[in-house]
Amino acid sequence: MSKNNFKNVYMNLSRADKKHIKLRNQIVTECNISTPIFYNWTKGITPVPHWAKPIISKILGISESELFSEN
């Protein structure tokens, strides 16, 4: 997996049915963050905090190790 697989997963979500917006909003709500912070995480500007990783993993249905690998 790439270093920022979270971004890759998010960018590959369906745009046709706006699934990316639904999942973004769910992550923003459940992590209690702003939308700009979400985008900072996906762009790698700021790291995703450890407490948010299990929340994002559960929402996306992908293991933390796949989403946030350091390789």
PDB file of N, CA and C in Angstrom:
ATOM      1  N   MET A   1       0.831  -1.188   0.000  1.00  0.00           N
ATOM      2  CA  MET A   1       0.000   0.000   0.000  1.00  0.00           C
ATOM      3  C   MET A   1       0.879   1.256   0.000  1.00  0.00           C
ATOM      4  N   SER A   2       0.352   2.297  -0.548  1.00  0.00           N
ATOM      5  CA  SER A   2       1.085   3.555  -0.574  1.00  0.00           C
ATOM      6  C   SER A   2       0.998   4.238   0.786  1.00  0.00           C
ATOM      7  N   LYS A   3       1.875   5.199   0.993  1.00  0.00           N
ATOM      8  CA  LYS A   3       1.936   5.888   2.276  1.00  0.00           C
ATOM      9  C   LYS A   3       0.627   6.578   2.626  1.00  0.00           C
ATOM     10  N   ASN A   4      -0.040   7.185   1.660  1.00  0.00           N
ATOM     11  CA  ASN A   4      -1.298   7.871   1.946  1.00  0.00           C
ATOM     12  C   ASN A   4      -2.441   7.162   1.229  1.00  0.00           C
ATOM     13  N   ASN A   5      -2.676   5.925   1.614  1.00  0.00           N
ATOM     14  CA  ASN A   5      -3.742   5.164   0.984  1.00  0.00           C
ATOM     15  C   ASN A   5      -5.110   5.738   1.325  1.00  0.00           C
ATOM     16  N   PHE A   6      -5.238   6.424   2.445  1.00  0.00           N
ATOM     17  CA  PHE A   6      -6.501   7.070   2.814  1.00  0.00           C
ATOM     18  C   PHE A   6      -6.932   8.020   1.691  1.00  0.00           C
ATOM     19  N   LYS A   7      -6.004   8.819   1.191  1.00  0.00           N
ATOM     20  CA  LYS A   7      -6.309   9.728   0.087  1.00  0.00           C
ATOM     21  C   LYS A   7      -6.726   8.940  -1.154  1.00  0.00           C
ATOM     22  N   ASN A   8      -5.990   7.890  -1.485  1.00  0.00           N
ATOM     23  CA  ASN A   8      -6.306   7.096  -2.670  1.00  0.00           C
ATOM     24  C   ASN A   8      -7.696   6.494  -2.574  1.00  0.00           C
ATOM     25  N   VAL A   9      -8.033   5.962  -1.415  1.00  0.00           N
ATOM     26  CA  VAL A   9      -9.360   5.366  -1.220  1.00  0.00           C
ATOM     27  C   VAL A   9     -10.424   6.445  -1.378  1.00  0.00           C
ATOM     28  N   TYR A  10     -10.231   7.572  -0.732  1.00  0.00           N
ATOM     29  CA  TYR A  10     -11.223   8.657  -0.815  1.00  0.00           C
ATOM     30  C   TYR A  10     -11.380   9.157  -2.250  1.00  0.00           C
ATOM     31  N   MET A  11     -10.281   9.369  -2.945  1.00  0.00           N
ATOM     32  CA  MET A  11     -10.342   9.901  -4.310  1.00  0.00           C
ATOM     33  C   MET A  11     -10.984   8.917  -5.291  1.00  0.00           C
ATOM     34  N   ASN A  12     -10.972   7.639  -4.970  1.00  0.00           N
ATOM     35  CA  ASN A  12     -11.553   6.634  -5.857  1.00  0.00           C
ATOM     36  C   ASN A  12     -13.003   6.288  -5.536  1.00  0.00           C
ATOM     37  N   LEU A  13     -13.593   6.969  -4.555  1.00  0.00           N
ATOM     38  CA  LEU A  13     -15.005   6.744  -4.260  1.00  0.00           C
ATOM     39  C   LEU A  13     -15.864   7.301  -5.392  1.00  0.00           C
ATOM     40  N   SER A  14     -17.013   6.704  -5.581  1.00  0.00           N
ATOM     41  CA  SER A  14     -17.914   7.099  -6.657  1.00  0.00           C
ATOM     42  C   SER A  14     -18.345   8.554  -6.524  1.00  0.00           C
ATOM     43  N   ARG A  15     -18.197   9.282  -7.621  1.00  0.00           N
ATOM     44  CA  ARG A  15     -18.663  10.670  -7.663  1.00  0.00           C
ATOM     45  C   ARG A  15     -20.092  10.732  -8.202  1.00  0.00           C
ATOM     46  N   ALA A  16     -20.470   9.727  -8.972  1.00  0.00           N
ATOM     47  CA  ALA A  16     -21.791   9.728  -9.613  1.00  0.00           C
ATOM     48  C   ALA A  16     -22.926   9.778  -8.601  1.00  0.00           C
ATOM     49  N   ASP A  17     -22.813   8.997  -7.549  1.00  0.00           N
ATOM     50  CA  ASP A  17     -23.880   8.962  -6.544  1.00  0.00           C
ATOM     51  C   ASP A  17     -23.529   9.778  -5.297  1.00  0.00           C
ATOM     52  N   LYS A  18     -22.454  10.553  -5.404  1.00  0.00           N
ATOM     53  CA  LYS A  18     -21.978  11.422  -4.318  1.00  0.00           C
ATOM     54  C   LYS A  18     -21.619  10.650  -3.056  1.00  0.00           C
ATOM     55  N   LYS A  19     -21.188   9.398  -3.233  1.00  0.00           N
ATOM     56  CA  LYS A  19     -20.771   8.579  -2.095  1.00  0.00           C
ATOM     57  C   LYS A  19     -19.605   9.240  -1.353  1.00  0.00           C
ATOM     58  N   HIS A  20     -18.720   9.887  -2.089  1.00  0.00           N
ATOM     59  CA  HIS A  20     -17.572  10.533  -1.457  1.00  0.00           C
ATOM     60  C   HIS A  20     -18.022  11.630  -0.489  1.00  0.00           C
ATOM     61  N   ILE A  21     -19.060  12.354  -0.841  1.00  0.00           N
ATOM     62  CA  ILE A  21     -19.560  13.423   0.033  1.00  0.00           C
ATOM     63  C   ILE A  21     -20.226  12.825   1.272  1.00  0.00           C
ATOM     64  N   LYS A  22     -20.999  11.776   1.083  1.00  0.00           N
ATOM     65  CA  LYS A  22     -21.661  11.119   2.219  1.00  0.00           C
ATOM     66  C   LYS A  22     -20.637  10.592   3.210  1.00  0.00           C
ATOM     67  N   LEU A  23     -19.601   9.915   2.700  1.00  0.00           N
ATOM     68  CA  LEU A  23     -18.588   9.360   3.590  1.00  0.00           C
ATOM     69  C   LEU A  23     -17.741  10.459   4.229  1.00  0.00           C
ATOM     70  N   ARG A  24     -17.432  11.504   3.468  1.00  0.00           N
ATOM     71  CA  ARG A  24     -16.690  12.635   4.044  1.00  0.00           C
ATOM     72  C   ARG A  24     -17.475  13.247   5.194  1.00  0.00           C
ATOM     73  N   ASN A  25     -18.760  13.482   4.974  1.00  0.00           N
ATOM     74  CA  ASN A  25     -19.587  14.083   6.015  1.00  0.00           C
ATOM     75  C   ASN A  25     -19.700  13.177   7.241  1.00  0.00           C
ATOM     76  N   GLN A  26     -19.765  11.878   7.014  1.00  0.00           N
ATOM     77  CA  GLN A  26     -19.833  10.941   8.136  1.00  0.00           C
ATOM     78  C   GLN A  26     -18.535  10.975   8.942  1.00  0.00           C
ATOM     79  N   ILE A  27     -17.404  11.007   8.257  1.00  0.00           N
ATOM     80  CA  ILE A  27     -16.113  11.083   8.954  1.00  0.00           C
ATOM     81  C   ILE A  27     -16.004  12.402   9.727  1.00  0.00           C
ATOM     82  N   VAL A  28     -16.379  13.507   9.097  1.00  0.00           N
ATOM     83  CA  VAL A  28     -16.341  14.822   9.749  1.00  0.00           C
ATOM     84  C   VAL A  28     -17.205  14.804  11.008  1.00  0.00           C
ATOM     85  N   THR A  29     -18.406  14.255  10.904  1.00  0.00           N
ATOM     86  CA  THR A  29     -19.328  14.222  12.045  1.00  0.00           C
ATOM     87  C   THR A  29     -18.818  13.309  13.154  1.00  0.00           C
ATOM     88  N   GLU A  30     -18.446  12.091  12.795  1.00  0.00           N
ATOM     89  CA  GLU A  30     -18.052  11.123  13.822  1.00  0.00           C
ATOM     90  C   GLU A  30     -16.711  11.451  14.467  1.00  0.00           C
ATOM     91  N   CYS A  31     -15.845  12.136  13.737  1.00  0.00           N
ATOM     92  CA  CYS A  31     -14.560  12.556  14.311  1.00  0.00           C
ATOM     93  C   CYS A  31     -14.653  13.937  14.960  1.00  0.00           C
ATOM     94  N   ASN A  32     -15.801  14.606  14.776  1.00  0.00           N
ATOM     95  CA  ASN A  32     -16.013  15.941  15.331  1.00  0.00           C
ATOM     96  C   ASN A  32     -14.917  16.916  14.883  1.00  0.00           C
ATOM     97  N   ILE A  33     -14.728  16.950  13.556  1.00  0.00           N
ATOM     98  CA  ILE A  33     -13.724  17.829  12.959  1.00  0.00           C
ATOM     99  C   ILE A  33     -14.398  18.697  11.899  1.00  0.00           C
ATOM    100  N   SER A  34     -13.666  19.681  11.393  1.00  0.00           N
ATOM    101  CA  SER A  34     -14.177  20.514  10.304  1.00  0.00           C
ATOM    102  C   SER A  34     -13.804  19.867   8.962  1.00  0.00           C
ATOM    103  N   THR A  35     -14.482  20.287   7.924  1.00  0.00           N
ATOM    104  CA  THR A  35     -14.180  19.785   6.581  1.00  0.00           C
ATOM    105  C   THR A  35     -12.746  20.124   6.161  1.00  0.00           C
ATOM    106  N   PRO A  36     -12.244  21.343   6.441  1.00  0.00           N
ATOM    107  CA  PRO A  36     -10.840  21.611   6.089  1.00  0.00           C
ATOM    108  C   PRO A  36      -9.851  20.661   6.773  1.00  0.00           C
ATOM    109  N   ILE A  37     -10.125  20.287   8.009  1.00  0.00           N
ATOM    110  CA  ILE A  37      -9.242  19.332   8.684  1.00  0.00           C
ATOM    111  C   ILE A  37      -9.289  17.996   7.964  1.00  0.00           C
ATOM    112  N   PHE A  38     -10.477  17.560   7.559  1.00  0.00           N
ATOM    113  CA  PHE A  38     -10.603  16.317   6.803  1.00  0.00           C
ATOM    114  C   PHE A  38      -9.709  16.365   5.563  1.00  0.00           C
ATOM    115  N   TYR A  39      -9.787  17.447   4.812  1.00  0.00           N
ATOM    116  CA  TYR A  39      -8.978  17.550   3.603  1.00  0.00           C
ATOM    117  C   TYR A  39      -7.483  17.646   3.916  1.00  0.00           C
ATOM    118  N   ASN A  40      -7.119  18.270   5.014  1.00  0.00           N
ATOM    119  CA  ASN A  40      -5.709  18.270   5.437  1.00  0.00           C
ATOM    120  C   ASN A  40      -5.226  16.852   5.685  1.00  0.00           C
ATOM    121  N   TRP A  41      -6.082  16.025   6.269  1.00  0.00           N
ATOM    122  CA  TRP A  41      -5.731  14.618   6.502  1.00  0.00           C
ATOM    123  C   TRP A  41      -5.567  13.880   5.187  1.00  0.00           C
ATOM    124  N   THR A  42      -6.509  14.055   4.261  1.00  0.00           N
ATOM    125  CA  THR A  42      -6.421  13.305   3.010  1.00  0.00           C
ATOM    126  C   THR A  42      -5.223  13.747   2.176  1.00  0.00           C
ATOM    127  N   LYS A  43      -4.868  15.015   2.244  1.00  0.00           N
ATOM    128  CA  LYS A  43      -3.732  15.531   1.476  1.00  0.00           C
ATOM    129  C   LYS A  43      -2.395  15.262   2.158  1.00  0.00           C
ATOM    130  N   GLY A  44      -2.435  14.803   3.408  1.00  0.00           N
ATOM    131  CA  GLY A  44      -1.200  14.547   4.134  1.00  0.00           C
ATOM    132  C   GLY A  44      -0.568  15.799   4.700  1.00  0.00           C
ATOM    133  N   ILE A  45      -1.313  16.905   4.722  1.00  0.00           N
ATOM    134  CA  ILE A  45      -0.793  18.150   5.288  1.00  0.00           C
ATOM    135  C   ILE A  45      -0.614  17.994   6.792  1.00  0.00           C
ATOM    136  N   THR A  46      -1.607  17.400   7.426  1.00  0.00           N
ATOM    137  CA  THR A  46      -1.499  17.046   8.835  1.00  0.00           C
ATOM    138  C   THR A  46      -1.799  15.557   8.964  1.00  0.00           C
ATOM    139  N   PRO A  47      -1.131  14.875   9.889  1.00  0.00           N
ATOM    140  CA  PRO A  47      -1.361  13.437  10.035  1.00  0.00           C
ATOM    141  C   PRO A  47      -2.719  13.149  10.674  1.00  0.00           C
ATOM    142  N   VAL A  48      -3.278  12.010  10.309  1.00  0.00           N
ATOM    143  CA  VAL A  48      -4.520  11.564  10.943  1.00  0.00           C
ATOM    144  C   VAL A  48      -4.155  11.114  12.353  1.00  0.00           C
ATOM    145  N   PRO A  49      -4.796  11.670  13.384  1.00  0.00           N
ATOM    146  CA  PRO A  49      -4.468  11.267  14.750  1.00  0.00           C
ATOM    147  C   PRO A  49      -4.862   9.808  14.997  1.00  0.00           C
ATOM    148  N   HIS A  50      -4.143   9.186  15.917  1.00  0.00           N
ATOM    149  CA  HIS A  50      -4.383   7.764  16.211  1.00  0.00           C
ATOM    150  C   HIS A  50      -5.824   7.499  16.620  1.00  0.00           C
ATOM    151  N   TRP A  51      -6.442   8.410  17.351  1.00  0.00           N
ATOM    152  CA  TRP A  51      -7.815   8.174  17.821  1.00  0.00           C
ATOM    153  C   TRP A  51      -8.824   8.177  16.680  1.00  0.00           C
ATOM    154  N   ALA A  52      -8.496   8.844  15.552  1.00  0.00           N
ATOM    155  CA  ALA A  52      -9.423   8.937  14.423  1.00  0.00           C
ATOM    156  C   ALA A  52      -9.308   7.751  13.465  1.00  0.00           C
ATOM    157  N   LYS A  53      -8.186   7.078  13.482  1.00  0.00           N
ATOM    158  CA  LYS A  53      -7.956   5.984  12.534  1.00  0.00           C
ATOM    159  C   LYS A  53      -8.991   4.867  12.642  1.00  0.00           C
ATOM    160  N   PRO A  54      -9.343   4.386  13.844  1.00  0.00           N
ATOM    161  CA  PRO A  54     -10.357   3.331  13.903  1.00  0.00           C
ATOM    162  C   PRO A  54     -11.729   3.802  13.433  1.00  0.00           C
ATOM    163  N   ILE A  55     -12.040   5.059  13.649  1.00  0.00           N
ATOM    164  CA  ILE A  55     -13.326   5.613  13.205  1.00  0.00           C
ATOM    165  C   ILE A  55     -13.378   5.619  11.678  1.00  0.00           C
ATOM    166  N   ILE A  56     -12.331   6.118  11.058  1.00  0.00           N
ATOM    167  CA  ILE A  56     -12.275   6.190   9.598  1.00  0.00           C
ATOM    168  C   ILE A  56     -12.269   4.788   8.998  1.00  0.00           C
ATOM    169  N   SER A  57     -11.512   3.910   9.610  1.00  0.00           N
ATOM    170  CA  SER A  57     -11.432   2.525   9.142  1.00  0.00           C
ATOM    171  C   SER A  57     -12.803   1.857   9.155  1.00  0.00           C
ATOM    172  N   LYS A  58     -13.538   2.065  10.223  1.00  0.00           N
ATOM    173  CA  LYS A  58     -14.873   1.469  10.341  1.00  0.00           C
ATOM    174  C   LYS A  58     -15.823   2.047   9.287  1.00  0.00           C
ATOM    175  N   ILE A  59     -15.786   3.347   9.090  1.00  0.00           N
ATOM    176  CA  ILE A  59     -16.671   3.996   8.119  1.00  0.00           C
ATOM    177  C   ILE A  59     -16.381   3.505   6.705  1.00  0.00           C
ATOM    178  N   LEU A  60     -15.103   3.410   6.353  1.00  0.00           N
ATOM    179  CA  LEU A  60     -14.724   3.008   5.000  1.00  0.00           C
ATOM    180  C   LEU A  60     -14.735   1.490   4.810  1.00  0.00           C
ATOM    181  N   GLY A  61     -14.747   0.752   5.909  1.00  0.00           N
ATOM    182  CA  GLY A  61     -14.755  -0.708   5.816  1.00  0.00           C
ATOM    183  C   GLY A  61     -13.430  -1.276   5.348  1.00  0.00           C
ATOM    184  N   ILE A  62     -12.347  -0.596   5.693  1.00  0.00           N
ATOM    185  CA  ILE A  62     -10.991  -1.023   5.319  1.00  0.00           C
ATOM    186  C   ILE A  62     -10.134  -0.996   6.578  1.00  0.00           C
ATOM    187  N   SER A  63      -9.276  -1.986   6.731  1.00  0.00           N
ATOM    188  CA  SER A  63      -8.460  -2.073   7.937  1.00  0.00           C
ATOM    189  C   SER A  63      -7.543  -0.855   8.079  1.00  0.00           C
ATOM    190  N   GLU A  64      -7.242  -0.546   9.336  1.00  0.00           N
ATOM    191  CA  GLU A  64      -6.330   0.579   9.612  1.00  0.00           C
ATOM    192  C   GLU A  64      -4.980   0.359   8.949  1.00  0.00           C
ATOM    193  N   SER A  65      -4.496  -0.873   8.972  1.00  0.00           N
ATOM    194  CA  SER A  65      -3.179  -1.152   8.405  1.00  0.00           C
ATOM    195  C   SER A  65      -3.146  -0.886   6.908  1.00  0.00           C
ATOM    196  N   GLU A  66      -4.255  -1.094   6.227  1.00  0.00           N
ATOM    197  CA  GLU A  66      -4.310  -0.801   4.793  1.00  0.00           C
ATOM    198  C   GLU A  66      -4.439   0.692   4.525  1.00  0.00           C
ATOM    199  N   LEU A  67      -5.237   1.374   5.340  1.00  0.00           N
ATOM    200  CA  LEU A  67      -5.462   2.812   5.129  1.00  0.00           C
ATOM    201  C   LEU A  67      -4.283   3.685   5.537  1.00  0.00           C
ATOM    202  N   PHE A  68      -3.610   3.276   6.592  1.00  0.00           N
ATOM    203  CA  PHE A  68      -2.605   4.162   7.188  1.00  0.00           C
ATOM    204  C   PHE A  68      -1.249   3.502   7.319  1.00  0.00           C
ATOM    205  N   SER A  69      -0.859   2.720   6.322  1.00  0.00           N
ATOM    206  CA  SER A  69       0.455   2.074   6.367  1.00  0.00           C
ATOM    207  C   SER A  69       1.537   3.136   6.247  1.00  0.00           C
ATOM    208  N   GLU A  70       2.660   2.849   6.818  1.00  0.00           N
ATOM    209  CA  GLU A  70       3.794   3.800   6.793  1.00  0.00           C
ATOM    210  C   GLU A  70       4.760   3.487   5.659  1.00  0.00           C
ATOM    211  N   ASN A  71       4.466   2.492   4.861  1.00  0.00           N
ATOM    212  CA  ASN A  71       5.385   2.083   3.776  1.00  0.00           C
ATOM    213  C   ASN A  71       5.217   2.947   2.564  1.00  0.00           C
TER     214      ASN A  71
END
